[in-house]
PDB file of all heavy atoms in Angstrom:
ATOM      1  N   VAL A   1       0.831  -1.214   0.000  1.00  0.00           N
ATOM      2  CA  VAL A   1       0.000   0.000   0.000  1.00  0.00           C
ATOM      3  C   VAL A   1       0.862   1.260   0.000  1.00  0.00           C
ATOM      4  O   VAL A   1       0.573   2.225  -0.702  1.00  0.00           O
ATOM      5  CB  VAL A   1      -0.964  -0.003   1.202  1.00  0.00           C
ATOM      6  CG1 VAL A   1      -1.686   1.337   1.328  1.00  0.00           C
ATOM      7  CG2 VAL A   1      -1.980  -1.131   1.049  1.00  0.00           C
ATOM      8  N   GLN A   2       1.941   1.257   0.793  1.00  0.00           N
ATOM      9  CA  GLN A   2       2.834   2.404   0.826  1.00  0.00           C
ATOM     10  C   GLN A   2       3.460   2.624  -0.554  1.00  0.00           C
ATOM     11  O   GLN A   2       3.563   3.763  -1.035  1.00  0.00           O
ATOM     12  CB  GLN A   2       3.940   2.185   1.860  1.00  0.00           C
ATOM     13  CG  GLN A   2       4.907   3.351   2.030  1.00  0.00           C
ATOM     14  CD  GLN A   2       4.316   4.479   2.845  1.00  0.00           C
ATOM     15  OE1 GLN A   2       3.291   4.287   3.496  1.00  0.00           O
ATOM     16  NE2 GLN A   2       4.951   5.644   2.813  1.00  0.00           N
ATOM     17  N   ALA A   3       3.845   1.546  -1.210  1.00  0.00           N
ATOM     18  CA  ALA A   3       4.427   1.653  -2.551  1.00  0.00           C
ATOM     19  C   ALA A   3       3.405   2.196  -3.544  1.00  0.00           C
ATOM     20  O   ALA A   3       3.755   2.963  -4.450  1.00  0.00           O
ATOM     21  CB  ALA A   3       4.937   0.286  -3.013  1.00  0.00           C
ATOM     22  N   LEU A   4       2.146   1.817  -3.370  1.00  0.00           N
ATOM     23  CA  LEU A   4       1.088   2.312  -4.256  1.00  0.00           C
ATOM     24  C   LEU A   4       0.896   3.817  -4.077  1.00  0.00           C
ATOM     25  O   LEU A   4       0.803   4.563  -5.054  1.00  0.00           O
ATOM     26  CB  LEU A   4      -0.216   1.570  -3.967  1.00  0.00           C
ATOM     27  CG  LEU A   4      -1.465   2.076  -4.708  1.00  0.00           C
ATOM     28  CD1 LEU A   4      -1.255   2.027  -6.216  1.00  0.00           C
ATOM     29  CD2 LEU A   4      -2.686   1.264  -4.301  1.00  0.00           C
ATOM     30  N   LEU A   5       0.829   4.287  -2.829  1.00  0.00           N
ATOM     31  CA  LEU A   5       0.671   5.720  -2.572  1.00  0.00           C
ATOM     32  C   LEU A   5       1.857   6.506  -3.133  1.00  0.00           C
ATOM     33  O   LEU A   5       1.689   7.576  -3.716  1.00  0.00           O
ATOM     34  CB  LEU A   5       0.529   5.962  -1.070  1.00  0.00           C
ATOM     35  CG  LEU A   5      -0.818   5.592  -0.461  1.00  0.00           C
ATOM     36  CD1 LEU A   5      -0.731   5.542   1.060  1.00  0.00           C
ATOM     37  CD2 LEU A   5      -1.909   6.566  -0.900  1.00  0.00           C
ATOM     38  N   THR A   6       3.042   5.963  -2.969  1.00  0.00           N
ATOM     39  CA  THR A   6       4.234   6.624  -3.509  1.00  0.00           C
ATOM     40  C   THR A   6       4.165   6.713  -5.032  1.00  0.00           C
ATOM     41  O   THR A   6       4.509   7.738  -5.626  1.00  0.00           O
ATOM     42  CB  THR A   6       5.502   5.865  -3.083  1.00  0.00           C
ATOM     43  OG1 THR A   6       5.583   5.851  -1.655  1.00  0.00           O
ATOM     44  CG2 THR A   6       6.752   6.521  -3.654  1.00  0.00           C
ATOM     45  N   ALA A   7       3.691   5.642  -5.657  1.00  0.00           N
ATOM     46  CA  ALA A   7       3.573   5.628  -7.122  1.00  0.00           C
ATOM     47  C   ALA A   7       2.533   6.642  -7.602  1.00  0.00           C
ATOM     48  O   ALA A   7       2.712   7.282  -8.645  1.00  0.00           O
ATOM     49  CB  ALA A   7       3.204   4.222  -7.599  1.00  0.00           C
ATOM     50  N   ILE A   8       1.451   6.804  -6.847  1.00  0.00           N
ATOM     51  CA  ILE A   8       0.418   7.780  -7.209  1.00  0.00           C
ATOM     52  C   ILE A   8       1.005   9.189  -7.208  1.00  0.00           C
ATOM     53  O   ILE A   8       0.861   9.950  -8.173  1.00  0.00           O
ATOM     54  CB  ILE A   8      -0.767   7.691  -6.232  1.00  0.00           C
ATOM     55  CG1 ILE A   8      -1.547   6.393  -6.459  1.00  0.00           C
ATOM     56  CG2 ILE A   8      -1.706   8.891  -6.410  1.00  0.00           C
ATOM     57  CD1 ILE A   8      -2.610   6.133  -5.410  1.00  0.00           C
ATOM     58  N   VAL A   9       1.673   9.542  -6.109  1.00  0.00           N
ATOM     59  CA  VAL A   9       2.262  10.882  -6.002  1.00  0.00           C
ATOM     60  C   VAL A   9       3.321  11.098  -7.064  1.00  0.00           C
ATOM     61  O   VAL A   9       3.393  12.162  -7.690  1.00  0.00           O
ATOM     62  CB  VAL A   9       2.842  11.088  -4.582  1.00  0.00           C
ATOM     63  CG1 VAL A   9       3.688  12.359  -4.533  1.00  0.00           C
ATOM     64  CG2 VAL A   9       1.725  11.156  -3.564  1.00  0.00           C
ATOM     65  N   GLU A  10       4.147  10.079  -7.292  1.00  0.00           N
ATOM     66  CA  GLU A  10       5.207  10.208  -8.296  1.00  0.00           C
ATOM     67  C   GLU A  10       4.620  10.366  -9.695  1.00  0.00           C
ATOM     68  O   GLU A  10       5.210  11.043 -10.549  1.00  0.00           O
ATOM     69  CB  GLU A  10       6.125   8.982  -8.242  1.00  0.00           C
ATOM     70  CG  GLU A  10       7.361   9.089  -9.123  1.00  0.00           C
ATOM     71  CD  GLU A  10       8.181  10.337  -8.847  1.00  0.00           C
ATOM     72  OE1 GLU A  10       8.274  10.759  -7.682  1.00  0.00           O
ATOM     73  OE2 GLU A  10       8.729  10.908  -9.820  1.00  0.00           O
ATOM     74  N   SER A  11       3.445   9.778  -9.938  1.00  0.00           N
ATOM     75  CA  SER A  11       2.788   9.943 -11.244  1.00  0.00           C
ATOM     76  C   SER A  11       2.460  11.407 -11.499  1.00  0.00           C
ATOM     77  O   SER A  11       2.617  11.899 -12.623  1.00  0.00           O
ATOM     78  CB  SER A  11       1.507   9.109 -11.300  1.00  0.00           C
ATOM     79  OG  SER A  11       1.785   7.735 -11.231  1.00  0.00           O
ATOM     80  N   PHE A  12       2.019  12.113 -10.465  1.00  0.00           N
ATOM     81  CA  PHE A  12       1.728  13.540 -10.609  1.00  0.00           C
ATOM     82  C   PHE A  12       3.007  14.369 -10.652  1.00  0.00           C
ATOM     83  O   PHE A  12       3.175  15.241 -11.500  1.00  0.00           O
ATOM     84  CB  PHE A  12       0.839  14.017  -9.459  1.00  0.00           C
ATOM     85  CG  PHE A  12      -0.534  13.418  -9.468  1.00  0.00           C
ATOM     86  CD1 PHE A  12      -1.040  12.778  -8.352  1.00  0.00           C
ATOM     87  CD2 PHE A  12      -1.322  13.478 -10.611  1.00  0.00           C
ATOM     88  CE1 PHE A  12      -2.306  12.216  -8.366  1.00  0.00           C
ATOM     89  CE2 PHE A  12      -2.597  12.930 -10.632  1.00  0.00           C
ATOM     90  CZ  PHE A  12      -3.086  12.287  -9.509  1.00  0.00           C
ATOM     91  N   ARG A  13       3.913  14.075  -9.729  1.00  0.00           N
ATOM     92  CA  ARG A  13       5.145  14.858  -9.639  1.00  0.00           C
ATOM     93  C   ARG A  13       5.971  14.763 -10.924  1.00  0.00           C
ATOM     94  O   ARG A  13       6.586  15.743 -11.344  1.00  0.00           O
ATOM     95  CB  ARG A  13       5.969  14.374  -8.436  1.00  0.00           C
ATOM     96  CG  ARG A  13       7.187  15.247  -8.140  1.00  0.00           C
ATOM     97  CD  ARG A  13       7.954  14.703  -6.952  1.00  0.00           C
ATOM     98  NE  ARG A  13       7.285  14.982  -5.704  1.00  0.00           N
ATOM     99  CZ  ARG A  13       6.992  14.075  -4.783  1.00  0.00           C
ATOM    100  NH1 ARG A  13       7.289  12.805  -4.995  1.00  0.00           N
ATOM    101  NH2 ARG A  13       6.395  14.411  -3.655  1.00  0.00           N
ATOM    102  N   SER A  14       5.973  13.612 -11.552  1.00  0.00           N
ATOM    103  CA  SER A  14       6.782  13.418 -12.757  1.00  0.00           C
ATOM    104  C   SER A  14       6.260  14.217 -13.949  1.00  0.00           C
ATOM    105  O   SER A  14       6.973  14.399 -14.931  1.00  0.00           O
ATOM    106  CB  SER A  14       6.830  11.930 -13.123  1.00  0.00           C
ATOM    107  OG  SER A  14       5.528  11.448 -13.457  1.00  0.00           O
ATOM    108  N   GLN A  15       5.017  14.680 -13.869  1.00  0.00           N
ATOM    109  CA  GLN A  15       4.444  15.463 -14.960  1.00  0.00           C
ATOM    110  C   GLN A  15       4.883  16.928 -14.900  1.00  0.00           C
ATOM    111  O   GLN A  15       4.659  17.682 -15.853  1.00  0.00           O
ATOM    112  CB  GLN A  15       2.911  15.428 -14.884  1.00  0.00           C
ATOM    113  CG  GLN A  15       2.314  14.038 -14.927  1.00  0.00           C
ATOM    114  CD  GLN A  15       2.637  13.292 -16.194  1.00  0.00           C
ATOM    115  OE1 GLN A  15       2.395  13.778 -17.297  1.00  0.00           O
ATOM    116  NE2 GLN A  15       3.212  12.107 -16.051  1.00  0.00           N
ATOM    117  N   LEU A  16       5.513  17.331 -13.794  1.00  0.00           N
ATOM    118  CA  LEU A  16       5.879  18.730 -13.598  1.00  0.00           C
ATOM    119  C   LEU A  16       7.368  18.937 -13.828  1.00  0.00           C
ATOM    120  O   LEU A  16       8.181  18.065 -13.526  1.00  0.00           O
ATOM    121  CB  LEU A  16       5.512  19.177 -12.181  1.00  0.00           C
ATOM    122  CG  LEU A  16       4.027  19.089 -11.813  1.00  0.00           C
ATOM    123  CD1 LEU A  16       3.832  19.463 -10.353  1.00  0.00           C
ATOM    124  CD2 LEU A  16       3.191  19.991 -12.707  1.00  0.00           C
ATOM    125  N   PRO A  17       7.750  20.101 -14.341  1.00  0.00           N
ATOM    126  CA  PRO A  17       9.167  20.425 -14.544  1.00  0.00           C
ATOM    127  C   PRO A  17       9.836  20.765 -13.212  1.00  0.00           C
ATOM    128  O   PRO A  17       9.171  20.809 -12.168  1.00  0.00           O
ATOM    129  CB  PRO A  17       9.106  21.652 -15.467  1.00  0.00           C
ATOM    130  CG  PRO A  17       7.797  22.296 -15.146  1.00  0.00           C
ATOM    131  CD  PRO A  17       6.860  21.173 -14.812  1.00  0.00           C
ATOM    132  N   PRO A  18      11.152  21.028 -13.207  1.00  0.00           N
ATOM    133  CA  PRO A  18      11.844  21.367 -11.958  1.00  0.00           C
ATOM    134  C   PRO A  18      11.295  22.632 -11.316  1.00  0.00           C
ATOM    135  O   PRO A  18      10.630  23.446 -11.965  1.00  0.00           O
ATOM    136  CB  PRO A  18      13.296  21.564 -12.413  1.00  0.00           C
ATOM    137  CG  PRO A  18      13.410  20.819 -13.699  1.00  0.00           C
ATOM    138  CD  PRO A  18      12.071  20.931 -14.351  1.00  0.00           C
ATOM    139  N   LYS A  19      11.601  22.807 -10.048  1.00  0.00           N
ATOM    140  CA  LYS A  19      11.166  23.971  -9.269  1.00  0.00           C
ATOM    141  C   LYS A  19      11.582  25.267  -9.970  1.00  0.00           C
ATOM    142  O   LYS A  19      12.686  25.384 -10.493  1.00  0.00           O
ATOM    143  CB  LYS A  19      11.783  23.916  -7.872  1.00  0.00           C
ATOM    144  CG  LYS A  19      11.450  25.113  -6.989  1.00  0.00           C
ATOM    145  CD  LYS A  19      12.026  24.944  -5.608  1.00  0.00           C
ATOM    146  CE  LYS A  19      11.870  26.212  -4.782  1.00  0.00           C
ATOM    147  NZ  LYS A  19      10.468  26.671  -4.700  1.00  0.00           N
ATOM    148  N   GLY A  20      10.664  26.231  -9.972  1.00  0.00           N
ATOM    149  CA  GLY A  20      10.959  27.532 -10.563  1.00  0.00           C
ATOM    150  C   GLY A  20      10.562  27.670 -12.015  1.00  0.00           C
ATOM    151  O   GLY A  20      10.622  28.766 -12.572  1.00  0.00           O
ATOM    152  N   ALA A  21      10.148  26.563 -12.651  1.00  0.00           N
ATOM    153  CA  ALA A  21       9.780  26.611 -14.063  1.00  0.00           C
ATOM    154  C   ALA A  21       8.402  27.250 -14.241  1.00  0.00           C
ATOM    155  O   ALA A  21       7.563  27.186 -13.347  1.00  0.00           O
ATOM    156  CB  ALA A  21       9.781  25.201 -14.651  1.00  0.00           C
ATOM    157  N   PRO A  22       8.147  27.880 -15.400  1.00  0.00           N
ATOM    158  CA  PRO A  22       6.830  28.482 -15.647  1.00  0.00           C
ATOM    159  C   PRO A  22       5.765  27.415 -15.840  1.00  0.00           C
ATOM    160  O   PRO A  22       5.995  26.400 -16.504  1.00  0.00           O
ATOM    161  CB  PRO A  22       7.055  29.284 -16.927  1.00  0.00           C
ATOM    162  CG  PRO A  22       8.193  28.611 -17.616  1.00  0.00           C
ATOM    163  CD  PRO A  22       9.085  28.107 -16.523  1.00  0.00           C
ATOM    164  N   LEU A  23       4.577  27.665 -15.265  1.00  0.00           N
ATOM    165  CA  LEU A  23       3.472  26.720 -15.358  1.00  0.00           C
ATOM    166  C   LEU A  23       2.145  27.462 -15.338  1.00  0.00           C
ATOM    167  O   LEU A  23       1.996  28.460 -14.627  1.00  0.00           O
ATOM    168  CB  LEU A  23       3.488  25.746 -14.175  1.00  0.00           C
ATOM    169  CG  LEU A  23       4.549  24.654 -14.144  1.00  0.00           C
ATOM    170  CD1 LEU A  23       4.547  23.977 -12.794  1.00  0.00           C
ATOM    171  CD2 LEU A  23       4.298  23.642 -15.246  1.00  0.00           C
ATOM    172  N   PRO A  24       1.150  26.986 -16.087  1.00  0.00           N
ATOM    173  CA  PRO A  24      -0.213  27.530 -15.942  1.00  0.00           C
ATOM    174  C   PRO A  24      -0.833  26.965 -14.676  1.00  0.00           C
ATOM    175  O   PRO A  24      -0.680  25.775 -14.383  1.00  0.00           O
ATOM    176  CB  PRO A  24      -0.933  27.029 -17.198  1.00  0.00           C
ATOM    177  CG  PRO A  24      -0.205  25.763 -17.555  1.00  0.00           C
ATOM    178  CD  PRO A  24       1.229  25.963 -17.147  1.00  0.00           C
ATOM    179  N   ILE A  25      -1.535  27.815 -13.907  1.00  0.00           N
ATOM    180  CA  ILE A  25      -2.077  27.328 -12.628  1.00  0.00           C
ATOM    181  C   ILE A  25      -3.600  27.488 -12.555  1.00  0.00           C
ATOM    182  O   ILE A  25      -4.158  27.378 -11.468  1.00  0.00           O
ATOM    183  CB  ILE A  25      -1.381  28.009 -11.428  1.00  0.00           C
ATOM    184  CG1 ILE A  25      -1.231  29.527 -11.593  1.00  0.00           C
ATOM    185  CG2 ILE A  25       0.001  27.399 -11.203  1.00  0.00           C
ATOM    186  CD1 ILE A  25      -2.378  30.316 -11.189  1.00  0.00           C
ATOM    187  N   ASN A  26      -4.262  27.714 -13.687  1.00  0.00           N
ATOM    188  CA  ASN A  26      -5.727  27.673 -13.728  1.00  0.00           C
ATOM    189  C   ASN A  26      -6.159  27.370 -15.159  1.00  0.00           C
ATOM    190  O   ASN A  26      -5.337  27.309 -16.080  1.00  0.00           O
ATOM    191  CB  ASN A  26      -6.361  28.961 -13.201  1.00  0.00           C
ATOM    192  CG  ASN A  26      -5.956  30.188 -14.002  1.00  0.00           C
ATOM    193  OD1 ASN A  26      -5.659  30.108 -15.193  1.00  0.00           O
ATOM    194  ND2 ASN A  26      -5.944  31.344 -13.353  1.00  0.00           N
ATOM    195  N   ASP A  27      -7.443  27.160 -15.358  1.00  0.00           N
ATOM    196  CA  ASP A  27      -7.952  26.764 -16.673  1.00  0.00           C
ATOM    197  C   ASP A  27      -7.736  27.844 -17.726  1.00  0.00           C
ATOM    198  O   ASP A  27      -7.473  27.543 -18.892  1.00  0.00           O
ATOM    199  CB  ASP A  27      -9.442  26.415 -16.572  1.00  0.00           C
ATOM    200  CG  ASP A  27      -9.693  25.123 -15.819  1.00  0.00           C
ATOM    201  OD1 ASP A  27      -8.751  24.302 -15.734  1.00  0.00           O
ATOM    202  OD2 ASP A  27     -10.812  24.935 -15.300  1.00  0.00           O
ATOM    203  N   ARG A  28      -7.873  29.120 -17.342  1.00  0.00           N
ATOM    204  CA  ARG A  28      -7.672  30.198 -18.317  1.00  0.00           C
ATOM    205  C   ARG A  28      -6.232  30.200 -18.826  1.00  0.00           C
ATOM    206  O   ARG A  28      -5.991  30.293 -20.029  1.00  0.00           O
ATOM    207  CB  ARG A  28      -8.002  31.553 -17.681  1.00  0.00           C
ATOM    208  CG  ARG A  28      -7.986  32.715 -18.684  1.00  0.00           C
ATOM    209  CD  ARG A  28      -7.921  34.064 -18.000  1.00  0.00           C
ATOM    210  NE  ARG A  28      -6.619  34.329 -17.432  1.00  0.00           N
ATOM    211  CZ  ARG A  28      -5.580  34.793 -18.137  1.00  0.00           C
ATOM    212  NH1 ARG A  28      -5.696  35.020 -19.426  1.00  0.00           N
ATOM    213  NH2 ARG A  28      -4.423  35.017 -17.538  1.00  0.00           N
TER     214      ARG A  28
END
């Protein structure tokens, strides 16, 4: 279960660039 939760978070985190990079933060 712990490995599953870690994999879930890593799935989201891996979609983002490194800290400080430009990103859209709303639908507009």
